């Protein structure tokens, strides 16, 4: 299990995501990889463009980690607006969207 701050959704007047300090997460969930989590989390309001850039950066980081650790399957779980920013697809609650990458495509994506 891998946590990444880039998956948090910060848009709107009432940000969807808040989280505990990193050390609290480490203490509670020793089995979770928190290398993608900043020490402090300070949500900031962001535009759709800001979210798109952050989503693309986060997915590249996650894919790099998957390649490095030889993972062949990953699941990304986030909120609607974050997923829409990345995929440009509006999804219903708990809907699954599958993506497959060939080694060549993956290389270009994480390049």
C-alpha atoms as a PDB file:
ATOM      1  CA  UNK A   1       0.000   0.000   0.000  1.00  0.00           C
ATOM      2  CA  UNK A   2       1.394   3.348  -1.091  1.00  0.00           C
ATOM      3  CA  UNK A   3       0.078   6.787  -0.103  1.00  0.00           C
ATOM      4  CA  UNK A   4       0.729   9.854  -2.235  1.00  0.00           C
ATOM      5  CA  UNK A   5      -0.207  13.464  -1.442  1.00  0.00           C
ATOM      6  CA  UNK A   6      -0.654  14.120  -5.154  1.00  0.00           C
ATOM      7  CA  UNK A   7      -3.929  12.154  -5.034  1.00  0.00           C
ATOM      8  CA  UNK A   8      -5.583  14.525  -2.580  1.00  0.00           C
ATOM      9  CA  UNK A   9      -8.328  16.781  -3.910  1.00  0.00           C
ATOM     10  CA  UNK A  10      -8.086  20.412  -2.841  1.00  0.00           C
ATOM     11  CA  UNK A  11     -10.604  22.211  -5.060  1.00  0.00           C
ATOM     12  CA  UNK A  12     -13.539  24.297  -3.935  1.00  0.00           C
ATOM     13  CA  UNK A  13     -14.508  26.110  -0.771  1.00  0.00           C
ATOM     14  CA  UNK A  14     -14.544  22.873   1.241  1.00  0.00           C
ATOM     15  CA  UNK A  15     -11.566  20.686   0.290  1.00  0.00           C
ATOM     16  CA  UNK A  16     -12.478  16.994   0.269  1.00  0.00           C
ATOM     17  CA  UNK A  17      -9.251  15.790   1.732  1.00  0.00           C
ATOM     18  CA  UNK A  18      -7.442  16.471   4.926  1.00  0.00           C
ATOM     19  CA  UNK A  19      -4.971  14.143   6.522  1.00  0.00           C
ATOM     20  CA  UNK A  20      -3.073  13.542   9.703  1.00  0.00           C
ATOM     21  CA  UNK A  21       0.576  14.507  10.085  1.00  0.00           C
ATOM     22  CA  UNK A  22       2.897  12.038   8.354  1.00  0.00           C
ATOM     23  CA  UNK A  23       4.345  10.728  11.633  1.00  0.00           C
ATOM     24  CA  UNK A  24       0.845   9.850  12.921  1.00  0.00           C
ATOM     25  CA  UNK A  25       0.222   7.852   9.731  1.00  0.00           C
ATOM     26  CA  UNK A  26       3.566   6.063  10.148  1.00  0.00           C
ATOM     27  CA  UNK A  27       2.761   5.230  13.781  1.00  0.00           C
ATOM     28  CA  UNK A  28      -0.726   3.881  12.982  1.00  0.00           C
ATOM     29  CA  UNK A  29      -0.009   2.098   9.712  1.00  0.00           C
ATOM     30  CA  UNK A  30       3.488   0.623   9.787  1.00  0.00           C
ATOM     31  CA  UNK A  31       2.857  -1.455   6.632  1.00  0.00           C
ATOM     32  CA  UNK A  32       2.055   1.578   4.465  1.00  0.00           C
ATOM     33  CA  UNK A  33       4.688   3.144   2.196  1.00  0.00           C
ATOM     34  CA  UNK A  34       4.562   6.885   2.880  1.00  0.00           C
ATOM     35  CA  UNK A  35       7.442   7.962   0.645  1.00  0.00           C
ATOM     36  CA  UNK A  36       4.937   9.988  -1.435  1.00  0.00           C
ATOM     37  CA  UNK A  37       3.664  11.880   1.613  1.00  0.00           C
ATOM     38  CA  UNK A  38       5.061  15.249   2.678  1.00  0.00           C
ATOM     39  CA  UNK A  39       5.884  15.807   6.341  1.00  0.00           C
ATOM     40  CA  UNK A  40       3.202  18.495   6.644  1.00  0.00           C
ATOM     41  CA  UNK A  41       0.002  18.766   4.621  1.00  0.00           C
ATOM     42  CA  UNK A  42      -1.350  22.251   4.021  1.00  0.00           C
ATOM     43  CA  UNK A  43      -4.221  22.178   1.508  1.00  0.00           C
ATOM     44  CA  UNK A  44      -4.402  25.091  -0.893  1.00  0.00           C
ATOM     45  CA  UNK A  45      -7.200  25.965  -3.253  1.00  0.00           C
ATOM     46  CA  UNK A  46      -6.230  25.259  -6.834  1.00  0.00           C
ATOM     47  CA  UNK A  47      -7.607  25.841 -10.294  1.00  0.00           C
ATOM     48  CA  UNK A  48      -8.583  23.041 -12.665  1.00  0.00           C
ATOM     49  CA  UNK A  49      -5.310  23.625 -14.522  1.00  0.00           C
ATOM     50  CA  UNK A  50      -3.322  23.413 -11.271  1.00  0.00           C
ATOM     51  CA  UNK A  51      -5.072  20.151 -10.417  1.00  0.00           C
ATOM     52  CA  UNK A  52      -4.416  18.708 -13.889  1.00  0.00           C
ATOM     53  CA  UNK A  53      -0.698  19.472 -13.612  1.00  0.00           C
ATOM     54  CA  UNK A  54      -0.544  18.021 -10.086  1.00  0.00           C
ATOM     55  CA  UNK A  55      -2.489  14.902 -11.151  1.00  0.00           C
ATOM     56  CA  UNK A  56      -0.136  14.305 -14.086  1.00  0.00           C
ATOM     57  CA  UNK A  57       2.913  14.782 -11.853  1.00  0.00           C
ATOM     58  CA  UNK A  58       1.468  12.409  -9.248  1.00  0.00           C
ATOM     59  CA  UNK A  59       0.640   9.660 -11.738  1.00  0.00           C
ATOM     60  CA  UNK A  60       4.134   9.889 -13.270  1.00  0.00           C
ATOM     61  CA  UNK A  61       5.632   9.575  -9.783  1.00  0.00           C
ATOM     62  CA  UNK A  62       3.392   6.593  -8.981  1.00  0.00           C
ATOM     63  CA  UNK A  63       4.232   4.881 -12.288  1.00  0.00           C
ATOM     64  CA  UNK A  64       7.972   5.442 -11.736  1.00  0.00           C
ATOM     65  CA  UNK A  65       7.658   3.792  -8.327  1.00  0.00           C
ATOM     66  CA  UNK A  66       5.708   0.899  -9.865  1.00  0.00           C
ATOM     67  CA  UNK A  67       8.408   0.330 -12.475  1.00  0.00           C
ATOM     68  CA  UNK A  68      11.176   0.619  -9.871  1.00  0.00           C
ATOM     69  CA  UNK A  69       9.443  -1.940  -7.625  1.00  0.00           C
ATOM     70  CA  UNK A  70       8.490  -4.191 -10.544  1.00  0.00           C
ATOM     71  CA  UNK A  71       4.745  -3.826  -9.895  1.00  0.00           C
ATOM     72  CA  UNK A  72       2.646  -4.935 -12.833  1.00  0.00           C
ATOM     73  CA  UNK A  73      -0.717  -3.757 -11.520  1.00  0.00           C
ATOM     74  CA  UNK A  74      -1.653  -0.673  -9.550  1.00  0.00           C
ATOM     75  CA  UNK A  75      -4.941   0.818  -8.408  1.00  0.00           C
ATOM     76  CA  UNK A  76      -5.378   4.551  -7.994  1.00  0.00           C
ATOM     77  CA  UNK A  77      -8.180   5.715  -5.729  1.00  0.00           C
ATOM     78  CA  UNK A  78      -9.101   9.384  -5.547  1.00  0.00           C
ATOM     79  CA  UNK A  79     -11.988  11.837  -5.893  1.00  0.00           C
ATOM     80  CA  UNK A  80     -14.031  12.684  -8.990  1.00  0.00           C
ATOM     81  CA  UNK A  81     -12.407  16.015  -9.848  1.00  0.00           C
ATOM     82  CA  UNK A  82      -8.885  14.626  -9.479  1.00  0.00           C
ATOM     83  CA  UNK A  83      -9.701  11.663 -11.734  1.00  0.00           C
ATOM     84  CA  UNK A  84     -11.429  13.965 -14.222  1.00  0.00           C
ATOM     85  CA  UNK A  85      -8.352  16.220 -14.295  1.00  0.00           C
ATOM     86  CA  UNK A  86      -6.168  13.224 -15.122  1.00  0.00           C
ATOM     87  CA  UNK A  87      -8.431  11.200 -17.439  1.00  0.00           C
ATOM     88  CA  UNK A  88     -10.867  13.788 -18.807  1.00  0.00           C
ATOM     89  CA  UNK A  89     -13.599  11.244 -18.029  1.00  0.00           C
ATOM     90  CA  UNK A  90     -16.497  11.922 -15.667  1.00  0.00           C
ATOM     91  CA  UNK A  91     -17.000   8.868 -13.470  1.00  0.00           C
ATOM     92  CA  UNK A  92     -19.833   7.815 -11.190  1.00  0.00           C
ATOM     93  CA  UNK A  93     -19.287   6.900  -7.559  1.00  0.00           C
ATOM     94  CA  UNK A  94     -17.154   3.734  -7.193  1.00  0.00           C
ATOM     95  CA  UNK A  95     -16.808   3.326 -10.968  1.00  0.00           C
ATOM     96  CA  UNK A  96     -13.730   1.500 -12.264  1.00  0.00           C
ATOM     97  CA  UNK A  97     -11.699   2.830 -15.194  1.00  0.00           C
ATOM     98  CA  UNK A  98      -8.966   0.586 -16.526  1.00  0.00           C
ATOM     99  CA  UNK A  99      -5.827   1.681 -18.329  1.00  0.00           C
ATOM    100  CA  UNK A 100      -3.169  -0.547 -19.797  1.00  0.00           C
ATOM    101  CA  UNK A 101       0.339   0.485 -20.780  1.00  0.00           C
ATOM    102  CA  UNK A 102       2.735  -1.352 -23.044  1.00  0.00           C
ATOM    103  CA  UNK A 103       6.371  -1.104 -21.975  1.00  0.00           C
ATOM    104  CA  UNK A 104       6.903   1.484 -24.722  1.00  0.00           C
ATOM    105  CA  UNK A 105       3.929   3.595 -23.600  1.00  0.00           C
ATOM    106  CA  UNK A 106       5.022   3.367 -19.979  1.00  0.00           C
ATOM    107  CA  UNK A 107       8.523   4.528 -20.919  1.00  0.00           C
ATOM    108  CA  UNK A 108       7.092   7.579 -22.697  1.00  0.00           C
ATOM    109  CA  UNK A 109       4.742   8.344 -19.800  1.00  0.00           C
ATOM    110  CA  UNK A 110       7.391   8.308 -17.079  1.00  0.00           C
ATOM    111  CA  UNK A 111      10.218   9.489 -19.395  1.00  0.00           C
END
